[in-house]
Structure formats: structure tokens, C-alpha cells
Amino acid sequence: MKYFGTVKTFDTVTGKGEITPEVAGDDLHFERGAIAWDRKVEPTVGQRLSYDVGQGVDRQACALNLQTI
């Protein structure tokens, strides 16, 4: 199932960020590896994206397969 949200933060050095879901729920973490477009183009704060929800290595929910809309 695809979800939609807005990039809240993204650190270009660590390649980690957070996305705020459009529907109720906690912010989700994501890593540069979850980006499904050219990874040379970094996500920007406020950018609207679609994503899937998965589980990170720490067993916490995270955003995967980030795509521009």
C-alpha cells in the first residue's frame, strides 16, 4: 500500500531523514538507500513523496521505496 507524506528533515551528510505522514501517525525515519529515484538528487524539506512502510534493522517502522509525486 502506498502512503503519502512530506519530508520533515534530511541530513545530506548522514543520508538520514524523517517523513511526516499525511494521515495520522508518527514521523517515519528513512535512509538514502530508500530513495527510488536518482540518488544524486537529494530529497528536500517540504517535498511531498509517496512511500511504503517497512521495518528497519532496529525493528522500528520506517519509510521505504520513496518516490517523487
N, C-alpha and C. Protein backbone atom coordinates (compact mmCIF):
# COMPACT_ATOMS: atom_id res chain seq x y z
N MET A 1 0.85 -1.18 0.00
CA MET A 1 0.00 0.00 0.00
C MET A 1 0.89 1.24 0.00
N LYS A 2 0.59 2.19 -0.85
CA LYS A 2 1.34 3.44 -0.93
C LYS A 2 0.78 4.44 0.08
N TYR A 3 1.71 5.15 0.70
CA TYR A 3 1.36 6.22 1.62
C TYR A 3 1.95 7.51 1.06
N PHE A 4 1.49 8.63 1.58
CA PHE A 4 1.98 9.92 1.14
C PHE A 4 2.40 10.73 2.36
N GLY A 5 3.45 11.53 2.18
CA GLY A 5 3.92 12.35 3.27
C GLY A 5 4.86 13.42 2.78
N THR A 6 5.36 14.20 3.74
CA THR A 6 6.23 15.33 3.44
C THR A 6 7.56 15.15 4.17
N VAL A 7 8.65 15.44 3.48
CA VAL A 7 9.96 15.35 4.10
C VAL A 7 10.06 16.39 5.21
N LYS A 8 10.32 15.93 6.42
CA LYS A 8 10.46 16.82 7.58
C LYS A 8 11.92 17.25 7.74
N THR A 9 12.83 16.29 7.62
CA THR A 9 14.26 16.57 7.73
C THR A 9 15.01 15.65 6.78
N PHE A 10 16.19 16.08 6.36
CA PHE A 10 17.11 15.21 5.64
C PHE A 10 18.51 15.75 5.83
N ASP A 11 19.40 14.92 6.35
CA ASP A 11 20.80 15.28 6.59
C ASP A 11 21.62 14.73 5.43
N THR A 12 22.18 15.62 4.61
CA THR A 12 22.92 15.18 3.42
C THR A 12 24.23 14.48 3.78
N VAL A 13 24.74 14.72 4.97
CA VAL A 13 25.99 14.08 5.40
C VAL A 13 25.75 12.63 5.79
N THR A 14 24.76 12.39 6.66
CA THR A 14 24.48 11.03 7.12
C THR A 14 23.57 10.27 6.18
N GLY A 15 22.80 10.99 5.34
CA GLY A 15 21.87 10.34 4.43
C GLY A 15 20.62 9.83 5.11
N LYS A 16 20.29 10.42 6.26
CA LYS A 16 19.11 10.00 7.02
C LYS A 16 18.13 11.16 7.15
N GLY A 17 16.84 10.82 7.22
CA GLY A 17 15.82 11.84 7.35
C GLY A 17 14.56 11.30 7.96
N GLU A 18 13.56 12.17 8.02
CA GLU A 18 12.24 11.80 8.54
C GLU A 18 11.18 12.30 7.57
N ILE A 19 10.11 11.55 7.50
CA ILE A 19 8.96 11.93 6.69
C ILE A 19 7.73 11.98 7.59
N THR A 20 6.92 13.02 7.41
CA THR A 20 5.68 13.18 8.19
C THR A 20 4.53 12.66 7.34
N PRO A 21 3.82 11.62 7.81
CA PRO A 21 2.69 11.08 7.05
C PRO A 21 1.56 12.09 6.91
N GLU A 22 0.84 12.03 5.79
CA GLU A 22 -0.33 12.89 5.60
C GLU A 22 -1.48 12.45 6.48
N VAL A 23 -1.55 11.17 6.79
CA VAL A 23 -2.58 10.67 7.68
C VAL A 23 -1.98 10.59 9.09
N ALA A 24 -2.80 10.41 10.07
CA ALA A 24 -2.32 10.35 11.45
C ALA A 24 -1.24 9.29 11.61
N GLY A 25 -0.31 9.58 12.48
CA GLY A 25 0.77 8.64 12.74
C GLY A 25 2.05 9.37 13.08
N ASP A 26 2.99 8.62 13.59
CA ASP A 26 4.29 9.19 13.95
C ASP A 26 5.15 9.40 12.71
N ASP A 27 6.11 10.32 12.82
CA ASP A 27 7.08 10.52 11.75
C ASP A 27 7.85 9.22 11.55
N LEU A 28 8.23 8.96 10.31
CA LEU A 28 8.98 7.76 9.97
C LEU A 28 10.39 8.13 9.52
N HIS A 29 11.35 7.37 9.94
CA HIS A 29 12.73 7.55 9.52
C HIS A 29 12.92 6.93 8.14
N PHE A 30 13.90 7.45 7.40
CA PHE A 30 14.30 6.83 6.14
C PHE A 30 15.78 7.09 5.93
N GLU A 31 16.38 6.29 5.07
CA GLU A 31 17.79 6.45 4.72
C GLU A 31 17.91 6.64 3.22
N ARG A 32 19.03 7.19 2.80
CA ARG A 32 19.27 7.47 1.39
C ARG A 32 19.00 6.24 0.52
N GLY A 33 19.27 5.06 1.01
CA GLY A 33 19.05 3.82 0.26
C GLY A 33 17.59 3.55 -0.04
N ALA A 34 16.66 4.23 0.64
CA ALA A 34 15.23 4.04 0.40
C ALA A 34 14.72 4.88 -0.75
N ILE A 35 15.57 5.75 -1.29
CA ILE A 35 15.16 6.63 -2.38
C ILE A 35 15.12 5.83 -3.69
N ALA A 36 14.00 5.92 -4.40
CA ALA A 36 13.81 5.13 -5.62
C ALA A 36 14.08 5.94 -6.89
N TRP A 37 14.60 7.16 -6.77
CA TRP A 37 14.98 7.93 -7.95
C TRP A 37 16.48 8.15 -7.92
N ASP A 38 17.01 8.92 -8.84
CA ASP A 38 18.45 9.20 -8.92
C ASP A 38 18.95 9.71 -7.57
N ARG A 39 19.80 8.96 -6.93
CA ARG A 39 20.25 9.29 -5.58
C ARG A 39 21.16 10.51 -5.53
N LYS A 40 21.54 11.03 -6.69
CA LYS A 40 22.30 12.28 -6.72
C LYS A 40 21.40 13.46 -6.40
N VAL A 41 20.08 13.26 -6.57
CA VAL A 41 19.10 14.31 -6.29
C VAL A 41 18.54 14.04 -4.90
N GLU A 42 18.95 14.86 -3.93
CA GLU A 42 18.56 14.68 -2.54
C GLU A 42 17.11 15.14 -2.32
N PRO A 43 16.39 14.49 -1.40
CA PRO A 43 15.06 14.99 -1.04
C PRO A 43 15.20 16.32 -0.30
N THR A 44 14.21 17.18 -0.43
CA THR A 44 14.25 18.48 0.22
C THR A 44 13.13 18.60 1.24
N VAL A 45 13.38 19.37 2.28
CA VAL A 45 12.38 19.60 3.32
C VAL A 45 11.13 20.20 2.66
N GLY A 46 9.98 19.64 2.99
CA GLY A 46 8.72 20.10 2.43
C GLY A 46 8.30 19.37 1.18
N GLN A 47 9.17 18.55 0.61
CA GLN A 47 8.84 17.80 -0.61
C GLN A 47 7.83 16.71 -0.30
N ARG A 48 6.81 16.59 -1.14
CA ARG A 48 5.79 15.55 -0.98
C ARG A 48 6.24 14.30 -1.71
N LEU A 49 6.17 13.16 -1.03
CA LEU A 49 6.61 11.89 -1.58
C LEU A 49 5.58 10.80 -1.33
N SER A 50 5.67 9.73 -2.11
CA SER A 50 4.94 8.51 -1.79
C SER A 50 5.97 7.52 -1.23
N TYR A 51 5.50 6.59 -0.44
CA TYR A 51 6.42 5.63 0.18
C TYR A 51 5.66 4.40 0.65
N ASP A 52 6.41 3.35 0.94
CA ASP A 52 5.88 2.14 1.56
C ASP A 52 6.38 2.14 3.00
N VAL A 53 5.71 1.41 3.86
CA VAL A 53 6.15 1.29 5.24
C VAL A 53 6.76 -0.09 5.44
N GLY A 54 7.94 -0.11 6.02
CA GLY A 54 8.63 -1.36 6.30
C GLY A 54 9.19 -1.34 7.71
N GLN A 55 10.14 -2.20 7.94
CA GLN A 55 10.74 -2.32 9.26
C GLN A 55 12.25 -2.22 9.12
N GLY A 56 12.85 -1.33 9.92
CA GLY A 56 14.29 -1.16 9.88
C GLY A 56 15.01 -2.24 10.68
N VAL A 57 16.34 -2.19 10.69
CA VAL A 57 17.13 -3.18 11.42
C VAL A 57 16.86 -3.12 12.92
N ASP A 58 16.38 -1.96 13.39
CA ASP A 58 16.04 -1.82 14.82
C ASP A 58 14.60 -2.23 15.11
N ARG A 59 13.95 -2.82 14.10
CA ARG A 59 12.57 -3.30 14.18
C ARG A 59 11.54 -2.18 14.36
N GLN A 60 11.94 -0.95 14.06
CA GLN A 60 11.03 0.19 14.09
C GLN A 60 10.49 0.42 12.68
N ALA A 61 9.27 0.96 12.61
CA ALA A 61 8.69 1.28 11.30
C ALA A 61 9.55 2.34 10.61
N CYS A 62 9.70 2.21 9.28
CA CYS A 62 10.47 3.19 8.52
C CYS A 62 9.85 3.31 7.13
N ALA A 63 10.19 4.40 6.44
CA ALA A 63 9.70 4.63 5.08
C ALA A 63 10.67 3.99 4.09
N LEU A 64 10.12 3.29 3.11
CA LEU A 64 10.90 2.61 2.06
C LEU A 64 10.37 3.00 0.70
N ASN A 65 11.17 2.78 -0.33
CA ASN A 65 10.74 3.00 -1.71
C ASN A 65 10.16 4.40 -1.92
N LEU A 66 10.89 5.42 -1.45
CA LEU A 66 10.45 6.81 -1.59
C LEU A 66 10.43 7.19 -3.06
N GLN A 67 9.33 7.82 -3.49
CA GLN A 67 9.19 8.24 -4.88
C GLN A 67 8.61 9.65 -4.93
N THR A 68 9.08 10.42 -5.91
CA THR A 68 8.51 11.75 -6.10
C THR A 68 7.11 11.62 -6.69
N ILE A 69 6.32 12.62 -6.46
CA ILE A 69 4.94 12.60 -6.95
C ILE A 69 4.81 13.61 -8.09
